[in-house]
Amino acid sequence: MQARNSTRGVVLADRLEWAGTSESRKRGLLGRSQFDPGQGIYIAPTQWIHMIGMRFPIDVAFLDGNGRVLALHHGLKPNRFSRIVLRADGALELPAGTLAASGTMVGDTVVFEGE
């Protein structure tokens, strides 16, 4: 599965995991030592995330139910919390630097394709 910013015409993650169960949302990226370019995880439903126990910074795009980007966190560091995004349906977690490199901005649309 992949996540693509259809506004910019760029793939954000070509190896996307879907965390849609209670167990997979709780686990998220915990326990991983790295997050490689092209990887991503979509956590839904959620309106915020935490980085407690994480080992590396990540980028986060909060999306509404239509895939519209509502808020961005660039390089959210370990042991921090994101802000709460009340209208968010989920959080797209990506390797740090992905959002800036892709030019992703609030208002863009992200689509999920494959599988």
Protein backbone atom coordinates (compact mmCIF):
# COMPACT_ATOMS: atom_id res chain seq x y z
CA MET A 1 0.00 0.00 0.00
CA GLN A 2 1.19 3.54 -0.61
CA ALA A 3 0.37 7.07 0.47
CA ARG A 4 0.48 9.68 -2.27
CA ASN A 5 0.09 13.44 -2.02
CA SER A 6 -2.27 13.90 -4.98
CA THR A 7 -2.01 17.70 -4.77
CA ARG A 8 1.76 17.62 -5.36
CA GLY A 9 1.85 14.40 -7.41
CA VAL A 10 4.42 12.75 -5.13
CA VAL A 11 4.55 9.44 -3.25
CA LEU A 12 5.04 9.92 0.48
CA ALA A 13 5.35 6.22 1.37
CA ASP A 14 5.48 3.20 -0.92
CA ARG A 15 5.58 0.73 1.99
CA LEU A 16 2.66 1.93 4.09
CA GLU A 17 1.31 0.02 7.07
CA TRP A 18 -2.28 0.54 8.23
CA ALA A 19 -2.73 0.67 12.01
CA GLY A 20 -6.48 0.42 12.36
CA THR A 21 -6.86 -1.95 15.31
CA SER A 22 -6.48 -1.03 18.95
CA GLU A 23 -3.39 -3.23 19.24
CA SER A 24 -1.68 -1.88 16.10
CA ARG A 25 -2.43 1.74 17.09
CA LYS A 26 -0.89 1.21 20.54
CA ARG A 27 2.21 -0.43 19.06
CA GLY A 28 2.72 2.04 16.19
CA LEU A 29 6.46 2.48 15.69
CA LEU A 30 7.45 1.52 19.25
CA GLY A 31 10.34 -0.87 19.46
CA ARG A 32 11.75 0.01 16.05
CA SER A 33 15.31 1.27 15.78
CA GLN A 34 14.86 3.00 12.42
CA PHE A 35 12.28 4.27 9.95
CA ASP A 36 13.59 4.11 6.40
CA PRO A 37 12.67 6.41 3.47
CA GLY A 38 9.58 5.06 1.74
CA GLN A 39 8.14 3.56 4.90
CA GLY A 40 5.05 4.94 6.59
CA ILE A 41 2.29 4.06 8.99
CA TYR A 42 -1.26 5.42 9.06
CA ILE A 43 -2.84 5.37 12.51
CA ALA A 44 -6.62 5.70 12.52
CA PRO A 45 -8.66 6.77 14.23
CA THR A 46 -6.59 9.24 16.22
CA GLN A 47 -6.40 12.97 16.83
CA TRP A 48 -2.95 13.02 18.46
CA ILE A 49 0.12 10.84 18.94
CA HIS A 50 2.89 10.49 21.48
CA MET A 51 6.57 9.77 21.01
CA ILE A 52 7.20 8.23 24.45
CA GLY A 53 9.72 5.43 24.08
CA MET A 54 10.58 6.30 20.47
CA ARG A 55 14.20 6.29 19.30
CA PHE A 56 14.05 8.73 16.37
CA PRO A 57 12.14 11.81 15.17
CA ILE A 58 9.34 11.50 12.61
CA ASP A 59 7.14 13.68 10.42
CA VAL A 60 3.39 13.53 11.03
CA ALA A 61 0.51 14.66 8.84
CA PHE A 62 -2.93 14.69 10.43
CA LEU A 63 -5.65 13.95 7.87
CA ASP A 64 -9.41 14.36 7.87
CA GLY A 65 -11.75 11.64 6.59
CA ASN A 66 -11.24 12.80 2.99
CA GLY A 67 -7.44 12.75 3.19
CA ARG A 68 -7.07 16.52 3.49
CA VAL A 69 -4.00 17.56 5.49
CA LEU A 70 -5.15 19.45 8.60
CA ALA A 71 -1.85 19.83 10.47
CA LEU A 72 1.82 18.94 10.12
CA HIS A 73 4.62 18.14 12.56
CA HIS A 74 8.12 18.21 11.09
CA GLY A 75 10.71 16.16 12.95
CA LEU A 76 8.62 15.41 16.05
CA LYS A 77 11.22 14.28 18.57
CA PRO A 78 11.21 11.30 20.95
CA ASN A 79 9.42 11.73 24.28
CA ARG A 80 7.18 14.51 22.95
CA PHE A 81 3.46 14.78 22.22
CA SER A 82 1.82 16.09 19.08
CA ARG A 83 -0.82 18.74 19.42
CA ILE A 84 -4.44 17.59 19.37
CA VAL A 85 -6.10 18.01 15.98
CA LEU A 86 -9.81 17.79 16.77
CA ARG A 87 -11.08 17.22 13.21
CA ALA A 88 -8.44 14.61 12.38
CA ASP A 89 -9.42 11.12 11.32
CA GLY A 90 -5.87 9.77 11.53
CA ALA A 91 -2.14 10.43 11.58
CA LEU A 92 0.26 9.59 8.75
CA GLU A 93 3.70 8.95 10.27
CA LEU A 94 6.69 9.25 7.95
CA PRO A 95 10.48 9.38 8.25
CA ALA A 96 11.73 12.81 9.33
CA GLY A 97 12.25 15.11 6.36
CA THR A 98 9.65 13.46 4.12
CA LEU A 99 7.06 16.25 4.38
CA ALA A 100 9.55 19.02 3.59
CA ALA A 101 11.14 17.07 0.73
CA SER A 102 7.71 16.44 -0.84
CA GLY A 103 6.49 20.01 -0.32
CA THR A 104 3.45 18.72 1.57
CA MET A 105 1.40 21.54 3.09
CA VAL A 106 -1.81 21.99 5.07
CA GLY A 107 -4.71 21.73 2.63
CA ASP A 108 -3.07 19.12 0.37
CA THR A 109 -4.86 15.83 -0.23
CA VAL A 110 -3.31 12.45 0.55
CA VAL A 111 -4.71 9.29 -1.05
CA PHE A 112 -4.03 5.67 -0.15
CA GLU A 113 -3.58 3.22 -3.01
CA GLY A 114 -3.00 -0.50 -3.39
CA GLU A 115 -4.05 -3.64 -1.55
